[in-house]
């Protein structure tokens, strides 16, 4: 997954099969959507494990910390947990955004 991120982005495992990606300076929706699509594609790519071909999927949730929001780390993690529920219940290889004004909501990158 790290290979699909930009040089100044951060990838961290927070437990089990959960990871946090910190993306800074996202200037356009297209830039963010490109990163999301690359992460979903790499997660869905088949690989070999102990000689057996396996394939995984990913659910991605996104929250924004705008300069005016002053959200704490704990609040951001709570927001992505809410959006993750939406992403996981929508099926495999899905993503959902947390929208501060509406609670969590789905978002389309097309």
Protein backbone atom coordinates (compact mmCIF):
# COMPACT_ATOMS: atom_id res chain seq x y z
CA UNK A 1 0.00 0.00 0.00
CA UNK A 2 2.83 2.38 0.81
CA UNK A 3 3.98 2.26 -2.82
CA UNK A 4 0.63 3.77 -3.90
CA UNK A 5 1.00 6.82 -1.66
CA UNK A 6 2.86 10.04 -2.21
CA UNK A 7 6.25 10.59 -0.61
CA UNK A 8 4.95 12.81 2.20
CA UNK A 9 1.89 10.65 3.07
CA UNK A 10 1.95 8.41 6.15
CA UNK A 11 0.73 4.81 6.45
CA UNK A 12 0.34 3.28 9.92
CA UNK A 13 -1.15 0.01 11.17
CA UNK A 14 -3.37 0.68 14.17
CA UNK A 15 -4.30 -2.92 14.89
CA UNK A 16 -5.42 -6.17 13.30
CA UNK A 17 -6.33 -5.41 9.72
CA UNK A 18 -6.85 -1.69 10.27
CA UNK A 19 -4.57 1.00 8.90
CA UNK A 20 -4.56 4.78 8.97
CA UNK A 21 -3.33 6.81 6.03
CA UNK A 22 -2.58 10.47 6.65
CA UNK A 23 -2.80 12.49 3.45
CA UNK A 24 -1.66 16.08 3.51
CA UNK A 25 -2.17 18.78 0.93
CA UNK A 26 -4.92 17.15 -1.11
CA UNK A 27 -5.66 19.88 -3.60
CA UNK A 28 -8.42 18.34 -5.72
CA UNK A 29 -11.12 15.70 -5.57
CA UNK A 30 -9.40 14.00 -8.51
CA UNK A 31 -6.13 13.68 -6.57
CA UNK A 32 -7.91 12.09 -3.60
CA UNK A 33 -9.96 9.80 -5.84
CA UNK A 34 -6.82 8.67 -7.64
CA UNK A 35 -5.21 7.66 -4.34
CA UNK A 36 -8.37 5.84 -3.21
CA UNK A 37 -8.63 3.93 -6.49
CA UNK A 38 -4.96 2.91 -6.34
CA UNK A 39 -5.31 1.67 -2.75
CA UNK A 40 -8.42 -0.36 -3.61
CA UNK A 41 -6.70 -1.83 -6.67
CA UNK A 42 -3.57 -2.90 -4.80
CA UNK A 43 -5.69 -4.45 -2.02
CA UNK A 44 -7.69 -6.45 -4.59
CA UNK A 45 -4.62 -7.67 -6.49
CA UNK A 46 -4.10 -11.44 -6.12
CA UNK A 47 -0.93 -12.57 -4.35
CA UNK A 48 0.63 -15.85 -3.25
CA UNK A 49 0.70 -16.90 0.39
CA UNK A 50 2.42 -20.19 1.23
CA UNK A 51 2.06 -21.26 -2.40
CA UNK A 52 -1.66 -20.51 -2.55
CA UNK A 53 -3.10 -17.66 -4.59
CA UNK A 54 -5.31 -15.44 -2.43
CA UNK A 55 -7.18 -12.22 -3.00
CA UNK A 56 -8.26 -9.67 -0.42
CA UNK A 57 -10.48 -6.61 -0.48
CA UNK A 58 -10.46 -3.30 1.32
CA UNK A 59 -12.94 -0.90 2.83
CA UNK A 60 -11.78 2.70 3.05
CA UNK A 61 -13.25 5.51 5.11
CA UNK A 62 -12.21 9.12 4.89
CA UNK A 63 -12.49 12.08 7.23
CA UNK A 64 -11.14 15.57 6.74
CA UNK A 65 -9.41 17.77 9.27
CA UNK A 66 -9.86 21.21 7.80
CA UNK A 67 -7.85 24.05 9.35
CA UNK A 68 -11.07 25.53 10.75
CA UNK A 69 -12.45 22.27 12.21
CA UNK A 70 -9.98 21.80 15.09
CA UNK A 71 -10.93 18.10 15.30
CA UNK A 72 -8.88 16.03 17.72
CA UNK A 73 -7.19 12.77 16.72
CA UNK A 74 -9.85 10.90 18.74
CA UNK A 75 -12.67 12.71 16.90
CA UNK A 76 -11.12 11.95 13.51
CA UNK A 77 -10.82 8.24 14.39
CA UNK A 78 -14.46 8.19 15.56
CA UNK A 79 -15.51 9.80 12.28
CA UNK A 80 -13.64 7.26 10.16
CA UNK A 81 -15.15 4.45 12.26
CA UNK A 82 -18.63 5.75 11.39
CA UNK A 83 -17.76 6.06 7.71
CA UNK A 84 -16.14 2.60 7.78
CA UNK A 85 -19.46 1.07 8.82
CA UNK A 86 -21.03 2.62 5.70
CA UNK A 87 -18.20 1.38 3.48
CA UNK A 88 -18.32 -2.18 4.84
CA UNK A 89 -22.09 -2.50 4.62
CA UNK A 90 -21.96 -1.31 0.99
CA UNK A 91 -19.94 -4.33 -0.13
CA UNK A 92 -16.32 -5.20 -0.86
CA UNK A 93 -13.80 -2.70 -2.19
CA UNK A 94 -15.89 0.31 -1.20
CA UNK A 95 -15.17 3.63 0.41
CA UNK A 96 -17.17 6.21 2.34
CA UNK A 97 -16.56 9.77 3.43
CA UNK A 98 -17.50 11.31 6.74
CA UNK A 99 -19.22 14.63 6.10
CA UNK A 100 -19.20 16.87 9.16
CA UNK A 101 -22.43 18.63 8.20
CA UNK A 102 -24.42 15.42 7.62
CA UNK A 103 -22.66 12.77 9.68
CA UNK A 104 -21.16 10.00 7.58
CA UNK A 105 -22.20 9.68 3.96
CA UNK A 106 -21.17 7.87 0.81
CA UNK A 107 -19.13 9.75 -1.77
CA UNK A 108 -18.58 8.97 -5.42
CA UNK A 109 -15.24 9.47 -7.15
CA UNK A 110 -16.60 9.09 -10.68
